[in-house]
Amino acid sequence: MAAQLRQLPGADAYRAKFAQWLADCGAAPTSVRSWSRRTPSSPTPVWAGAGKGC
């Protein structure tokens, strides 16, 4: 399913904007893929519940 979402119009721009936001906030790692996946021990995405801003 993720591969299909990455093919949608605007997906590249969204991922680039997200990567820039991660870098601006000093996130480690700055990989969009790292922040967009589910952790092995949780059915909840790692970003769930995150607020706006840094």
N, C-alpha and C. Protein backbone atom coordinates (compact mmCIF):
# COMPACT_ATOMS: atom_id res chain seq x y z
N MET A 1 0.82 -1.19 0.00
CA MET A 1 0.00 0.00 0.00
C MET A 1 0.87 1.26 0.00
N ALA A 2 1.97 1.25 0.73
CA ALA A 2 2.83 2.43 0.78
C ALA A 2 3.36 2.78 -0.60
N ALA A 3 3.70 1.77 -1.38
CA ALA A 3 4.21 2.02 -2.73
C ALA A 3 3.16 2.73 -3.57
N GLN A 4 1.91 2.35 -3.42
CA GLN A 4 0.83 3.00 -4.16
C GLN A 4 0.66 4.45 -3.73
N LEU A 5 0.77 4.72 -2.44
CA LEU A 5 0.64 6.08 -1.95
C LEU A 5 1.78 6.97 -2.46
N ARG A 6 2.99 6.41 -2.54
CA ARG A 6 4.13 7.18 -3.04
C ARG A 6 3.99 7.54 -4.51
N GLN A 7 3.10 6.88 -5.23
CA GLN A 7 2.90 7.15 -6.64
C GLN A 7 1.81 8.21 -6.90
N LEU A 8 1.11 8.62 -5.88
CA LEU A 8 0.05 9.61 -6.05
C LEU A 8 0.63 10.98 -6.40
N PRO A 9 -0.14 11.79 -7.13
CA PRO A 9 0.32 13.15 -7.44
C PRO A 9 0.58 13.93 -6.14
N GLY A 10 1.71 14.59 -6.08
CA GLY A 10 2.04 15.39 -4.90
C GLY A 10 2.79 14.63 -3.83
N ALA A 11 2.92 13.32 -3.97
CA ALA A 11 3.58 12.51 -2.94
C ALA A 11 5.04 12.90 -2.76
N ASP A 12 5.74 13.15 -3.86
CA ASP A 12 7.15 13.52 -3.77
C ASP A 12 7.32 14.85 -3.04
N ALA A 13 6.46 15.79 -3.34
CA ALA A 13 6.54 17.10 -2.69
C ALA A 13 6.21 16.98 -1.21
N TYR A 14 5.24 16.16 -0.86
CA TYR A 14 4.88 15.95 0.54
C TYR A 14 6.05 15.35 1.31
N ARG A 15 6.68 14.32 0.71
CA ARG A 15 7.81 13.66 1.38
C ARG A 15 8.98 14.62 1.53
N ALA A 16 9.21 15.46 0.54
CA ALA A 16 10.30 16.45 0.62
C ALA A 16 10.02 17.47 1.72
N LYS A 17 8.77 17.91 1.82
CA LYS A 17 8.39 18.87 2.86
C LYS A 17 8.52 18.24 4.24
N PHE A 18 8.12 17.00 4.37
CA PHE A 18 8.24 16.28 5.64
C PHE A 18 9.71 16.11 6.02
N ALA A 19 10.55 15.74 5.05
CA ALA A 19 11.99 15.57 5.30
C ALA A 19 12.61 16.89 5.76
N GLN A 20 12.21 17.99 5.14
CA GLN A 20 12.74 19.29 5.54
C GLN A 20 12.29 19.64 6.95
N TRP A 21 11.05 19.35 7.28
CA TRP A 21 10.54 19.61 8.63
C TRP A 21 11.32 18.80 9.65
N LEU A 22 11.59 17.53 9.36
CA LEU A 22 12.38 16.70 10.27
C LEU A 22 13.76 17.31 10.49
N ALA A 23 14.41 17.73 9.41
CA ALA A 23 15.74 18.33 9.51
C ALA A 23 15.70 19.63 10.30
N ASP A 24 14.70 20.47 10.04
CA ASP A 24 14.57 21.74 10.74
C ASP A 24 14.37 21.56 12.24
N CYS A 25 13.71 20.46 12.60
CA CYS A 25 13.42 20.19 14.01
C CYS A 25 14.56 19.44 14.70
N GLY A 26 15.57 19.06 13.94
CA GLY A 26 16.69 18.34 14.52
C GLY A 26 16.38 16.89 14.81
N ALA A 27 15.44 16.33 14.09
CA ALA A 27 15.05 14.94 14.30
C ALA A 27 16.18 14.00 13.89
N ALA A 28 16.24 12.89 14.57
CA ALA A 28 17.22 11.86 14.20
C ALA A 28 16.51 10.52 14.27
N PRO A 29 16.42 9.80 13.23
CA PRO A 29 16.95 10.07 11.90
C PRO A 29 16.05 11.04 11.15
N THR A 30 16.55 11.52 10.03
CA THR A 30 15.75 12.44 9.22
C THR A 30 15.07 11.72 8.06
N SER A 31 15.14 10.42 8.04
CA SER A 31 14.51 9.62 6.99
C SER A 31 13.00 9.63 7.14
N VAL A 32 12.31 10.08 6.10
CA VAL A 32 10.85 10.07 6.12
C VAL A 32 10.33 8.66 6.35
N ARG A 33 10.96 7.69 5.73
CA ARG A 33 10.54 6.30 5.87
C ARG A 33 10.62 5.83 7.32
N SER A 34 11.66 6.25 8.03
CA SER A 34 11.81 5.86 9.44
C SER A 34 10.67 6.39 10.29
N TRP A 35 10.22 7.58 9.99
CA TRP A 35 9.15 8.20 10.78
C TRP A 35 7.76 7.82 10.31
N SER A 36 7.64 7.21 9.16
CA SER A 36 6.34 6.88 8.59
C SER A 36 5.95 5.42 8.75
N ARG A 37 6.77 4.65 9.39
CA ARG A 37 6.49 3.22 9.53
C ARG A 37 5.98 2.92 10.94
N ARG A 38 5.47 1.73 11.09
CA ARG A 38 5.04 1.27 12.40
C ARG A 38 6.21 0.61 13.11
N THR A 39 6.25 0.77 14.41
CA THR A 39 7.29 0.11 15.18
C THR A 39 6.96 -1.38 15.26
N PRO A 40 7.96 -2.24 15.40
CA PRO A 40 7.69 -3.68 15.45
C PRO A 40 6.77 -4.09 16.60
N SER A 41 6.80 -3.36 17.71
CA SER A 41 6.03 -3.77 18.88
C SER A 41 4.70 -3.05 19.03
N SER A 42 4.34 -2.22 18.06
CA SER A 42 3.13 -1.42 18.21
C SER A 42 2.30 -1.41 16.93
N PRO A 43 0.99 -1.54 17.08
CA PRO A 43 0.13 -1.43 15.89
C PRO A 43 -0.12 0.03 15.52
N THR A 44 0.41 0.98 16.29
CA THR A 44 0.18 2.39 16.07
C THR A 44 1.38 3.02 15.36
N PRO A 45 1.17 3.81 14.31
CA PRO A 45 2.30 4.48 13.65
C PRO A 45 3.10 5.31 14.65
N VAL A 46 4.41 5.40 14.43
CA VAL A 46 5.27 6.11 15.37
C VAL A 46 4.92 7.59 15.49
N TRP A 47 4.27 8.16 14.47
CA TRP A 47 3.95 9.58 14.51
C TRP A 47 2.57 9.86 15.09
N ALA A 48 1.82 8.83 15.41
CA ALA A 48 0.45 9.04 15.90
C ALA A 48 0.47 9.89 17.17
N GLY A 49 -0.37 10.85 17.21
CA GLY A 49 -0.48 11.70 18.38
C GLY A 49 0.48 12.88 18.37
N ALA A 50 1.34 12.95 17.38
CA ALA A 50 2.29 14.06 17.32
C ALA A 50 1.54 15.35 17.01
N GLY A 51 1.92 16.40 17.67
CA GLY A 51 1.29 17.69 17.44
C GLY A 51 1.92 18.42 16.28
N LYS A 52 1.41 19.59 15.98
CA LYS A 52 1.98 20.41 14.91
C LYS A 52 3.23 21.09 15.44
N GLY A 53 4.07 21.51 14.53
CA GLY A 53 5.31 22.17 14.92
C GLY A 53 6.36 21.14 15.28
N CYS A 54 7.37 21.58 15.97
CA CYS A 54 8.49 20.69 16.31
C CYS A 54 8.32 20.12 17.70
